[in-house]
C-alpha cells in the first residue's frame, strides 16, 4: 500500500511540475509580457497601429504607452554582445 501511494505521489508531483512550467503567470515572472492594442493581442509588428496606445501586461501590473516607432526585426543583443542571425 505504501509503495502504491509513493508511486502515485511521485506521478502527481511530476504532473504538478509540468503544469507550473506551462503556467502563463510564471512565464510573465521570467520577464516576458503580453501586449495588446485595444482588445487585439499583438503578436507581430504588423498588428501595431501608431495611433493607438500599447498596453503591456507584466506579472505585477500593466503599462500603457504611446507607440513612437515600429521597425523590422534586427539582431538581438544581450548585454552588448551581438547574436548571429539565423
N, C-alpha and C. Protein backbone atom coordinates (compact mmCIF):
# COMPACT_ATOMS: atom_id res chain seq x y z
N UNK A 1 0.82 -1.19 0.00
CA UNK A 1 0.00 0.00 0.00
C UNK A 1 0.87 1.26 0.00
N UNK A 2 1.94 1.25 0.78
CA UNK A 2 2.85 2.41 0.82
C UNK A 2 3.50 2.63 -0.53
N UNK A 3 3.86 1.53 -1.19
CA UNK A 3 4.52 1.63 -2.49
C UNK A 3 3.58 2.23 -3.54
N UNK A 4 2.34 1.82 -3.53
CA UNK A 4 1.35 2.37 -4.47
C UNK A 4 1.16 3.85 -4.21
N UNK A 5 1.04 4.22 -2.95
CA UNK A 5 0.88 5.62 -2.59
C UNK A 5 2.09 6.44 -3.03
N UNK A 6 3.29 5.91 -2.82
CA UNK A 6 4.52 6.61 -3.21
C UNK A 6 4.58 6.83 -4.72
N UNK A 7 4.21 5.83 -5.51
CA UNK A 7 4.21 5.96 -6.96
C UNK A 7 3.21 7.00 -7.43
N UNK A 8 2.02 6.98 -6.82
CA UNK A 8 1.00 7.96 -7.20
C UNK A 8 1.42 9.36 -6.77
N UNK A 9 2.05 9.47 -5.65
CA UNK A 9 2.52 10.76 -5.17
C UNK A 9 3.61 11.32 -6.08
N UNK A 10 4.51 10.47 -6.52
CA UNK A 10 5.57 10.88 -7.44
C UNK A 10 4.99 11.30 -8.78
N UNK A 11 4.03 10.55 -9.28
CA UNK A 11 3.38 10.89 -10.55
C UNK A 11 2.65 12.23 -10.43
N UNK A 12 1.99 12.45 -9.31
CA UNK A 12 1.29 13.71 -9.08
C UNK A 12 2.28 14.87 -9.06
N UNK A 13 3.39 14.71 -8.35
CA UNK A 13 4.40 15.77 -8.29
C UNK A 13 4.97 16.08 -9.66
N UNK A 14 5.17 15.07 -10.48
CA UNK A 14 5.69 15.26 -11.83
C UNK A 14 4.70 16.07 -12.68
N UNK A 15 3.43 15.71 -12.60
CA UNK A 15 2.40 16.45 -13.36
C UNK A 15 2.28 17.88 -12.86
N UNK A 16 2.36 18.06 -11.57
CA UNK A 16 2.28 19.40 -11.00
C UNK A 16 3.45 20.26 -11.47
N UNK A 17 4.63 19.70 -11.54
CA UNK A 17 5.80 20.44 -12.03
C UNK A 17 5.61 20.85 -13.49
N UNK A 18 5.07 19.97 -14.30
CA UNK A 18 4.82 20.29 -15.71
C UNK A 18 3.80 21.42 -15.84
N UNK A 19 2.77 21.40 -15.01
CA UNK A 19 1.77 22.47 -15.04
C UNK A 19 2.38 23.80 -14.62
N UNK A 20 3.27 23.79 -13.65
CA UNK A 20 3.93 25.02 -13.21
C UNK A 20 4.75 25.63 -14.35
N UNK A 21 5.41 24.79 -15.12
CA UNK A 21 6.21 25.27 -16.25
C UNK A 21 5.30 25.94 -17.29
N UNK A 22 4.12 25.39 -17.51
CA UNK A 22 3.20 25.91 -18.53
C UNK A 22 2.35 27.08 -18.03
N UNK A 23 2.37 27.37 -16.76
CA UNK A 23 1.57 28.44 -16.18
C UNK A 23 1.96 29.79 -16.79
N UNK A 24 1.02 30.48 -17.45
CA UNK A 24 1.35 31.77 -18.07
C UNK A 24 1.88 32.81 -17.08
N UNK A 25 1.41 32.78 -15.85
CA UNK A 25 1.89 33.75 -14.87
C UNK A 25 3.37 33.53 -14.55
N UNK A 26 3.81 32.30 -14.55
CA UNK A 26 5.23 32.03 -14.33
C UNK A 26 6.06 32.51 -15.51
N UNK A 27 5.51 32.44 -16.71
CA UNK A 27 6.20 32.97 -17.88
C UNK A 27 6.38 34.47 -17.74
N UNK A 28 5.35 35.17 -17.27
CA UNK A 28 5.45 36.61 -17.05
C UNK A 28 6.48 36.93 -15.97
N UNK A 29 6.57 36.12 -14.94
CA UNK A 29 7.56 36.34 -13.87
C UNK A 29 8.99 36.21 -14.38
N UNK A 30 9.17 35.47 -15.47
CA UNK A 30 10.52 35.32 -16.04
C UNK A 30 10.91 36.50 -16.91
N UNK A 31 10.04 37.51 -17.03
CA UNK A 31 10.40 38.71 -17.76
C UNK A 31 9.66 38.92 -19.07
N UNK A 32 8.79 38.01 -19.43
CA UNK A 32 8.02 38.17 -20.65
C UNK A 32 6.80 39.03 -20.36
N UNK A 33 6.14 39.51 -21.42
CA UNK A 33 4.91 40.27 -21.26
C UNK A 33 3.96 39.93 -22.39
N UNK A 34 2.72 40.37 -22.23
CA UNK A 34 1.71 40.19 -23.26
C UNK A 34 1.27 41.59 -23.69
N UNK A 35 1.31 41.86 -24.98
CA UNK A 35 1.00 43.19 -25.50
C UNK A 35 -0.36 43.19 -26.19
N UNK A 36 -1.11 44.26 -25.92
CA UNK A 36 -2.41 44.47 -26.56
C UNK A 36 -2.49 45.88 -27.09
N UNK A 37 -3.23 46.03 -28.17
CA UNK A 37 -3.67 47.34 -28.63
C UNK A 37 -5.18 47.25 -28.68
N UNK A 38 -5.82 47.98 -27.78
CA UNK A 38 -7.26 47.83 -27.62
C UNK A 38 -7.53 46.43 -27.11
N UNK A 39 -8.39 45.70 -27.77
CA UNK A 39 -8.70 44.31 -27.40
C UNK A 39 -7.89 43.31 -28.21
N UNK A 40 -7.07 43.79 -29.14
CA UNK A 40 -6.31 42.94 -30.06
C UNK A 40 -4.96 42.55 -29.46
N UNK A 41 -4.71 41.25 -29.36
CA UNK A 41 -3.41 40.74 -28.94
C UNK A 41 -2.39 41.07 -30.01
N UNK A 42 -1.25 41.61 -29.62
CA UNK A 42 -0.21 41.97 -30.58
C UNK A 42 0.81 40.83 -30.62
N UNK A 43 0.90 40.16 -31.78
CA UNK A 43 1.87 39.08 -31.95
C UNK A 43 2.86 39.39 -33.06
N UNK A 44 2.69 40.55 -33.70
CA UNK A 44 3.56 40.94 -34.80
C UNK A 44 3.53 42.46 -34.91
N UNK A 45 4.61 43.04 -35.43
CA UNK A 45 4.61 44.49 -35.63
C UNK A 45 3.56 44.89 -36.66
N UNK A 46 3.14 43.95 -37.48
CA UNK A 46 2.11 44.23 -38.48
C UNK A 46 0.76 44.56 -37.85
N UNK A 47 0.57 44.16 -36.58
CA UNK A 47 -0.68 44.42 -35.89
C UNK A 47 -0.70 45.76 -35.15
N UNK A 48 0.41 46.47 -35.13
CA UNK A 48 0.51 47.70 -34.35
C UNK A 48 0.09 48.90 -35.17
N UNK A 49 -0.78 49.70 -34.57
CA UNK A 49 -1.21 50.95 -35.18
C UNK A 49 -0.65 52.08 -34.32
N UNK A 50 0.09 52.99 -34.94
CA UNK A 50 0.74 54.05 -34.18
C UNK A 50 -0.24 55.01 -33.53
N UNK A 51 -1.49 55.03 -33.96
CA UNK A 51 -2.48 55.94 -33.40
C UNK A 51 -3.10 55.42 -32.11
N UNK A 52 -2.88 54.15 -31.77
CA UNK A 52 -3.48 53.55 -30.58
C UNK A 52 -2.42 53.27 -29.51
N UNK A 53 -2.78 53.40 -28.23
CA UNK A 53 -1.83 53.07 -27.17
C UNK A 53 -1.56 51.57 -27.12
N UNK A 54 -0.39 51.21 -26.65
CA UNK A 54 0.02 49.82 -26.50
C UNK A 54 0.01 49.50 -25.01
N UNK A 55 -0.66 48.42 -24.63
CA UNK A 55 -0.72 48.02 -23.22
C UNK A 55 0.07 46.73 -23.04
N UNK A 56 1.06 46.77 -22.15
CA UNK A 56 1.89 45.62 -21.83
C UNK A 56 1.45 45.06 -20.48
N UNK A 57 1.11 43.79 -20.46
CA UNK A 57 0.72 43.12 -19.22
C UNK A 57 1.93 42.35 -18.71
N UNK A 58 2.37 42.69 -17.49
CA UNK A 58 3.51 42.04 -16.85
C UNK A 58 3.01 41.28 -15.62
N UNK A 59 3.87 40.56 -14.96
CA UNK A 59 3.43 39.74 -13.84
C UNK A 59 2.88 40.55 -12.67
N UNK A 60 3.28 41.81 -12.52
CA UNK A 60 2.84 42.58 -11.37
C UNK A 60 2.00 43.80 -11.73
N UNK A 61 1.56 43.88 -12.98
CA UNK A 61 0.72 45.00 -13.38
C UNK A 61 0.76 45.21 -14.88
N UNK A 62 0.40 46.41 -15.29
CA UNK A 62 0.40 46.71 -16.72
C UNK A 62 0.93 48.11 -16.96
N UNK A 63 1.41 48.31 -18.18
CA UNK A 63 1.96 49.59 -18.62
C UNK A 63 1.25 49.97 -19.91
N UNK A 64 0.78 51.19 -19.99
CA UNK A 64 0.19 51.70 -21.22
C UNK A 64 1.13 52.75 -21.77
N UNK A 65 1.46 52.61 -23.05
CA UNK A 65 2.43 53.53 -23.64
C UNK A 65 2.00 53.96 -25.03
N UNK A 66 2.64 55.01 -25.51
CA UNK A 66 2.41 55.52 -26.85
C UNK A 66 3.44 54.92 -27.79
N UNK A 67 3.00 54.45 -28.95
CA UNK A 67 3.91 53.88 -29.94
C UNK A 67 4.54 55.03 -30.70
N UNK A 68 5.87 55.11 -30.67
CA UNK A 68 6.57 56.17 -31.39
C UNK A 68 7.12 55.66 -32.71
N UNK A 69 7.76 54.50 -32.68
CA UNK A 69 8.29 53.92 -33.91
C UNK A 69 8.06 52.42 -33.91
N UNK A 70 7.99 51.87 -35.10
CA UNK A 70 7.89 50.43 -35.30
C UNK A 70 8.93 50.08 -36.34
N UNK A 71 9.78 49.09 -36.05
CA UNK A 71 10.82 48.71 -37.01
C UNK A 71 10.90 47.20 -37.13
N UNK A 72 11.39 46.75 -38.25
CA UNK A 72 11.54 45.31 -38.53
C UNK A 72 12.56 44.69 -37.59
N UNK A 73 12.50 43.37 -37.47
CA UNK A 73 13.38 42.60 -36.61
C UNK A 73 14.84 42.81 -37.00
N UNK A 74 15.68 43.02 -35.97
CA UNK A 74 17.12 43.12 -36.15
C UNK A 74 17.76 42.12 -35.22
N UNK A 75 19.06 41.99 -35.27
CA UNK A 75 19.76 41.07 -34.39
C UNK A 75 19.49 41.43 -32.94
N UNK A 76 19.25 40.41 -32.13
CA UNK A 76 19.04 40.61 -30.71
C UNK A 76 20.39 40.56 -30.02
N UNK A 77 20.68 41.55 -29.19
CA UNK A 77 21.95 41.58 -28.47
C UNK A 77 21.66 41.59 -26.98
N UNK A 78 22.36 40.77 -26.24
CA UNK A 78 22.22 40.72 -24.79
C UNK A 78 23.49 41.28 -24.17
N UNK A 79 23.33 42.28 -23.33
CA UNK A 79 24.46 42.92 -22.64
C UNK A 79 25.55 43.35 -23.60
N UNK A 80 25.13 43.90 -24.74
CA UNK A 80 26.09 44.43 -25.69
C UNK A 80 26.74 43.41 -26.59
N UNK A 81 26.44 42.14 -26.42
CA UNK A 81 27.06 41.11 -27.26
C UNK A 81 26.16 40.78 -28.44
N UNK A 82 26.67 40.86 -29.67
CA UNK A 82 25.84 40.52 -30.83
C UNK A 82 25.54 39.03 -30.90
N UNK A 83 24.37 38.68 -31.42
CA UNK A 83 23.99 37.30 -31.62
C UNK A 83 23.90 37.08 -33.12
N UNK A 84 24.47 35.99 -33.58
CA UNK A 84 24.44 35.68 -35.01
C UNK A 84 23.00 35.49 -35.47
N UNK A 85 22.69 36.06 -36.63
CA UNK A 85 21.37 35.85 -37.23
C UNK A 85 21.27 34.43 -37.73
N UNK A 86 20.04 33.91 -37.76
CA UNK A 86 19.83 32.53 -38.24
C UNK A 86 19.85 32.47 -39.74
